[in-house]
């Protein structure tokens, strides 16, 4: 087969693959099922409130064509594509990113939001990610040899350091009841790194999004679980998503169905952002 035919065949397979992926996406609610979607399509624009927060919505300063990177941006663009409309960003602040939904100035807020009972009372969430913990310790620590899972840290020979008065203080006794727990005063850092470097503790929990930067600064450290498994951690997870105004069931159901369908792709993008690859 000549080169031209091979190229044409490859293009055909790619087109077929994209068409199949598109066909698998949840169908857009028909006219009359969702007043919000009808309004968006009539307007020809999907209005999204945006405020950068890595790794979900990282700002790209100076890039007008792609002002953001991350799973929230990828998801918003997919919504616009499926609706057949343009995507328009409306800048919001920490104070306005939720109240603006009730005013109708945006169709959704893609500024990353942790779901809480208080927020659930005023907005509906479309969950696509989470904030979670993983652990880190020194590569040279003999106690950590062969340990690749959090469950293996549940050992009386392992000392786990944490900042007193933070959420891990209540979570760790339930998650690692057999480990030796060591609470230390908070220092404003992401994690009690000094406790590890001074060998007063073997491991410490850290927000998974902060770990890649820490490992760059201190290459003698390693994550538990290792590599991308840490960055996909669900330990002490808090759901993260975008928000819409309440009482829009058809709109909410469709948005969540698309996000669920895209979950593997969104997680891969999030991990790339955390690792500085996107």
Protein backbone atom coordinates (compact mmCIF):
# COMPACT_ATOMS: atom_id res chain seq x y z
CA UNK A 1 0.00 0.00 0.00
CA UNK A 2 1.45 3.37 -1.00
CA UNK A 3 2.02 6.28 1.38
CA UNK A 4 -0.99 8.26 0.12
CA UNK A 5 -3.35 5.36 0.75
CA UNK A 6 -1.88 4.76 4.20
CA UNK A 7 -2.38 8.42 5.09
CA UNK A 8 -5.97 8.35 3.85
CA UNK A 9 -6.67 5.15 5.78
CA UNK A 10 -5.21 6.61 8.99
CA UNK A 11 -7.33 9.74 8.55
CA UNK A 12 -10.42 7.60 8.04
CA UNK A 13 -9.78 5.65 11.23
CA UNK A 14 -9.20 8.89 13.17
CA UNK A 15 -12.40 10.43 11.84
CA UNK A 16 -14.34 7.27 12.66
CA UNK A 17 -12.88 7.22 16.18
CA UNK A 18 -13.78 10.84 16.82
CA UNK A 19 -17.28 10.30 15.43
CA UNK A 20 -17.77 7.30 17.68
CA UNK A 21 -16.57 9.23 20.76
CA UNK A 22 -18.88 12.12 19.87
CA UNK A 23 -21.81 9.74 19.36
CA UNK A 24 -21.24 8.30 22.83
CA UNK A 25 -21.64 11.70 24.45
CA UNK A 26 -24.98 12.19 26.22
CA UNK A 27 -27.41 13.90 23.82
CA UNK A 28 -28.21 17.55 24.40
CA UNK A 29 -31.72 17.89 25.89
CA UNK A 30 -34.32 18.56 23.20
CA UNK A 31 -35.92 22.02 22.89
CA UNK A 32 -38.34 22.63 25.73
CA UNK A 33 -36.65 20.24 28.17
CA UNK A 34 -34.17 22.76 29.60
CA UNK A 35 -34.95 26.50 29.53
CA UNK A 36 -31.28 27.23 30.26
CA UNK A 37 -30.01 25.22 27.29
CA UNK A 38 -32.66 26.76 25.05
CA UNK A 39 -31.47 30.20 26.15
CA UNK A 40 -27.79 29.35 25.56
CA UNK A 41 -28.48 28.04 22.07
CA UNK A 42 -30.62 31.04 21.18
CA UNK A 43 -27.88 33.37 22.43
CA UNK A 44 -25.18 31.42 20.64
CA UNK A 45 -22.82 31.83 23.58
CA UNK A 46 -22.08 29.78 26.72
CA UNK A 47 -21.21 32.24 29.51
CA UNK A 48 -18.84 30.86 32.14
CA UNK A 49 -17.60 32.56 35.28
CA UNK A 50 -13.88 31.85 35.63
CA UNK A 51 -11.23 32.37 38.29
CA UNK A 52 -7.98 30.45 37.98
CA UNK A 53 -6.99 27.80 40.50
CA UNK A 54 -4.49 25.10 39.63
CA UNK A 55 -4.65 22.28 38.76
CA UNK A 56 -8.32 22.49 37.73
CA UNK A 57 -8.24 25.87 35.99
CA UNK A 58 -4.72 27.18 35.58
CA UNK A 59 -4.34 30.63 34.07
CA UNK A 60 -2.25 31.13 30.94
CA UNK A 61 -1.25 34.83 31.15
CA UNK A 62 -0.97 36.53 27.78
CA UNK A 63 -2.65 33.70 25.87
CA UNK A 64 -5.91 35.21 24.64
CA UNK A 65 -6.79 32.17 22.53
CA UNK A 66 -6.41 29.78 25.47
CA UNK A 67 -6.57 31.85 28.68
CA UNK A 68 -6.82 28.72 30.82
CA UNK A 69 -5.63 25.13 30.98
CA UNK A 70 -6.99 22.26 33.00
CA UNK A 71 -9.96 19.91 33.28
CA UNK A 72 -12.49 22.66 34.02
CA UNK A 73 -11.47 24.51 30.85
CA UNK A 74 -11.53 21.31 28.82
CA UNK A 75 -14.99 20.51 30.13
CA UNK A 76 -16.35 24.00 29.41
CA UNK A 77 -15.06 23.85 25.84
CA UNK A 78 -16.69 20.45 25.35
CA UNK A 79 -20.02 21.80 26.59
CA UNK A 80 -19.82 24.69 24.12
CA UNK A 81 -18.92 22.33 21.28
CA UNK A 82 -21.80 19.97 22.03
CA UNK A 83 -24.22 22.89 22.25
CA UNK A 84 -22.89 24.38 19.02
CA UNK A 85 -22.12 27.76 20.59
CA UNK A 86 -19.13 29.96 21.43
CA UNK A 87 -17.53 29.97 24.86
CA UNK A 88 -17.22 33.33 26.60
CA UNK A 89 -15.38 33.90 29.87
CA UNK A 90 -16.78 36.26 32.50
CA UNK A 91 -14.20 37.14 35.15
CA UNK A 92 -15.34 36.55 38.73
CA UNK A 93 -13.77 36.95 42.15
CA UNK A 94 -13.83 34.73 45.21
CA UNK A 95 -16.69 36.87 46.49
CA UNK A 96 -18.78 36.79 43.29
CA UNK A 97 -18.14 33.33 41.81
CA UNK A 98 -21.24 31.88 43.53
CA UNK A 99 -23.64 34.87 43.80
CA UNK A 100 -23.27 35.63 40.06
CA UNK A 101 -25.15 32.43 39.23
CA UNK A 102 -28.39 33.71 40.75
CA UNK A 103 -28.21 36.90 38.67
CA UNK A 104 -28.19 35.00 35.37
CA UNK A 105 -25.01 36.75 34.20
CA UNK A 106 -23.35 33.36 33.63
CA UNK A 107 -24.64 29.91 32.78
CA UNK A 108 -22.13 28.22 35.06
CA UNK A 109 -19.15 28.98 37.24
CA UNK A 110 -16.10 26.98 36.20
CA UNK A 111 -14.02 28.54 38.97
CA UNK A 112 -13.13 25.35 40.88
CA UNK A 113 -15.33 24.87 43.93
CA UNK A 114 -15.11 22.32 46.73
CA UNK A 115 -18.56 20.91 47.44
CA UNK A 116 -19.77 21.65 50.97
CA UNK A 117 -23.16 21.33 52.68
CA UNK A 118 -23.37 25.13 52.89
CA UNK A 119 -22.73 25.59 49.17
CA UNK A 120 -25.17 22.79 48.32
CA UNK A 121 -27.92 24.94 49.76
CA UNK A 122 -27.43 27.71 47.19
CA UNK A 123 -26.01 26.05 44.05
CA UNK A 124 -25.98 22.68 42.33
CA UNK A 125 -22.65 21.01 41.64
CA UNK A 126 -21.33 19.16 38.62
CA UNK A 127 -18.50 17.06 40.05
CA UNK A 128 -15.50 16.21 37.88
CA UNK A 129 -12.58 15.94 40.34
CA UNK A 130 -11.54 16.13 43.97
CA UNK A 131 -8.94 17.51 46.30
CA UNK A 132 -7.21 14.69 48.15
CA UNK A 133 -4.12 13.66 50.04
CA UNK A 134 -1.22 11.35 49.44
CA UNK A 135 1.86 10.76 51.57
CA UNK A 136 5.58 11.36 51.18
CA UNK A 137 8.77 10.25 52.88
CA UNK A 138 12.48 9.98 52.22
CA UNK A 139 13.63 7.49 49.60
CA UNK A 140 16.45 6.41 51.92
CA UNK A 141 14.16 5.57 54.86
CA UNK A 142 14.58 1.79 55.40
CA UNK A 143 11.11 1.60 56.97
CA UNK A 144 9.57 2.62 53.64
CA UNK A 145 11.34 -0.01 51.55
CA UNK A 146 8.75 -1.92 49.58
CA UNK A 147 5.86 0.30 50.69
CA UNK A 148 3.76 1.43 47.74
CA UNK A 149 0.27 1.81 49.22
CA UNK A 150 -1.28 3.85 52.00
CA UNK A 151 -2.61 0.68 53.62
CA UNK A 152 0.98 -0.47 54.19
CA UNK A 153 1.60 2.62 56.32
CA UNK A 154 -0.82 1.29 58.93
CA UNK A 155 2.04 -0.08 60.98
CA UNK A 156 3.19 0.73 64.55
CA UNK A 157 6.75 1.08 63.24
CA UNK A 158 5.72 3.98 60.98
CA UNK A 159 5.51 7.52 62.39
CA UNK A 160 3.15 9.87 60.58
CA UNK A 161 3.57 13.63 61.12
CA UNK A 162 0.74 16.12 60.56
CA UNK A 163 -0.10 19.70 61.44
CA UNK A 164 -2.22 19.93 64.59
CA UNK A 165 -5.63 21.51 64.15
CA UNK A 166 -5.93 20.56 60.46
CA UNK A 167 -8.38 18.04 58.93
CA UNK A 168 -5.86 15.14 58.88
CA UNK A 169 -5.82 15.27 62.69
CA UNK A 170 -9.30 13.70 62.80
CA UNK A 171 -8.90 11.58 59.67
CA UNK A 172 -5.57 9.86 60.37
CA UNK A 173 -6.63 7.92 63.51
CA UNK A 174 -9.38 6.29 61.45
CA UNK A 175 -7.32 5.73 58.30
CA UNK A 176 -4.09 4.57 59.97
CA UNK A 177 -5.13 3.44 63.47
CA UNK A 178 -2.02 1.29 64.03
CA UNK A 179 0.55 3.89 62.96
CA UNK A 180 2.25 6.23 65.40
CA UNK A 181 0.82 9.71 64.88
CA UNK A 182 2.80 12.87 65.60
CA UNK A 183 1.02 16.23 65.62
CA UNK A 184 3.19 19.34 65.25
CA UNK A 185 2.36 23.07 65.15
CA UNK A 186 1.46 24.45 61.75
CA UNK A 187 4.10 26.54 59.99
CA UNK A 188 2.20 27.81 56.95
CA UNK A 189 3.85 25.19 54.75
CA UNK A 190 1.92 22.62 52.72
CA UNK A 191 3.13 19.79 54.93
CA UNK A 192 5.50 19.14 57.88
CA UNK A 193 8.50 18.54 55.64
CA UNK A 194 11.00 19.29 58.43
CA UNK A 195 9.67 16.34 60.43
CA UNK A 196 10.64 14.03 57.57
CA UNK A 197 14.02 15.61 56.83
CA UNK A 198 14.96 15.52 60.52
CA UNK A 199 13.85 11.87 60.78
CA UNK A 200 11.38 12.61 63.54
CA UNK A 201 8.74 11.03 61.33
CA UNK A 202 8.71 8.65 58.39
CA UNK A 203 5.85 10.05 56.32
CA UNK A 204 3.41 12.96 56.23
CA UNK A 205 0.22 13.68 54.29
CA UNK A 206 0.16 16.43 51.69
CA UNK A 207 -2.36 17.77 49.20
CA UNK A 208 -1.69 15.77 46.04
CA UNK A 209 -1.55 18.90 43.87
CA UNK A 210 1.33 20.29 45.95
CA UNK A 211 3.51 17.18 45.82
CA UNK A 212 5.09 17.51 42.33
CA UNK A 213 6.54 20.91 43.21
CA UNK A 214 7.85 19.59 46.53
CA UNK A 215 9.55 16.66 44.81
CA UNK A 216 11.23 19.04 42.38
CA UNK A 217 12.68 21.04 45.28
CA UNK A 218 13.58 17.97 47.33
CA UNK A 219 14.31 15.02 45.02
CA UNK A 220 15.23 12.85 48.00
CA UNK A 221 11.52 12.59 48.74
CA UNK A 222 9.10 10.09 47.20
CA UNK A 223 5.34 9.78 47.19
CA UNK A 224 3.17 7.00 48.58
CA UNK A 225 1.53 5.75 46.46
CA UNK A 226 4.17 6.42 43.80
CA UNK A 227 3.95 8.57 40.68
CA UNK A 228 0.62 9.16 38.99
CA UNK A 229 -1.16 6.93 41.51
CA UNK A 230 -0.52 9.64 44.10
CA UNK A 231 -1.82 12.33 41.75
CA UNK A 232 -5.01 10.30 41.26
CA UNK A 233 -5.44 9.72 45.01
CA UNK A 234 -8.85 9.63 46.67
CA UNK A 235 -7.53 9.72 50.24
CA UNK A 236 -9.57 12.13 52.40
CA UNK A 237 -11.18 13.35 49.20
CA UNK A 238 -13.38 16.42 48.91
CA UNK A 239 -15.46 16.65 45.69
CA UNK A 240 -14.52 19.51 43.36
CA UNK A 241 -16.66 20.74 40.50
CA UNK A 242 -18.33 23.56 38.67
CA UNK A 243 -21.57 25.16 39.85
CA UNK A 244 -24.88 26.19 38.34
CA UNK A 245 -27.92 27.94 39.73
CA UNK A 246 -30.33 25.64 41.54
CA UNK A 247 -33.49 23.98 40.20
CA UNK A 248 -32.33 23.23 36.66
CA UNK A 249 -32.62 19.41 36.67
CA UNK A 250 -32.38 18.70 32.93
CA UNK A 251 -29.43 21.06 32.54
CA UNK A 252 -27.67 19.65 35.62
CA UNK A 253 -28.24 16.04 34.58
CA UNK A 254 -26.79 16.62 31.11
CA UNK A 255 -23.76 18.55 32.39
CA UNK A 256 -22.96 15.80 34.88
CA UNK A 257 -23.45 13.05 32.30
CA UNK A 258 -20.92 14.72 29.97
CA UNK A 259 -18.45 15.21 32.85
CA UNK A 260 -18.81 11.56 33.85
CA UNK A 261 -18.25 10.43 30.25
CA UNK A 262 -15.09 12.54 30.07
CA UNK A 263 -13.72 11.47 33.47
CA UNK A 264 -10.62 9.56 32.22
CA UNK A 265 -9.65 12.40 29.88
CA UNK A 266 -10.20 15.05 32.54
CA UNK A 267 -8.13 13.16 35.11
CA UNK A 268 -5.29 12.75 32.61
CA UNK A 269 -5.34 16.50 31.93
CA UNK A 270 -5.33 17.27 35.66
CA UNK A 271 -2.32 15.05 36.24
CA UNK A 272 -0.46 16.73 33.36
CA UNK A 273 -1.14 20.15 34.86
CA UNK A 274 0.09 19.00 38.29
CA UNK A 275 3.28 17.67 36.72
CA UNK A 276 3.81 20.85 34.69
CA UNK A 277 3.37 19.04 31.38
CA UNK A 278 0.43 21.16 30.20
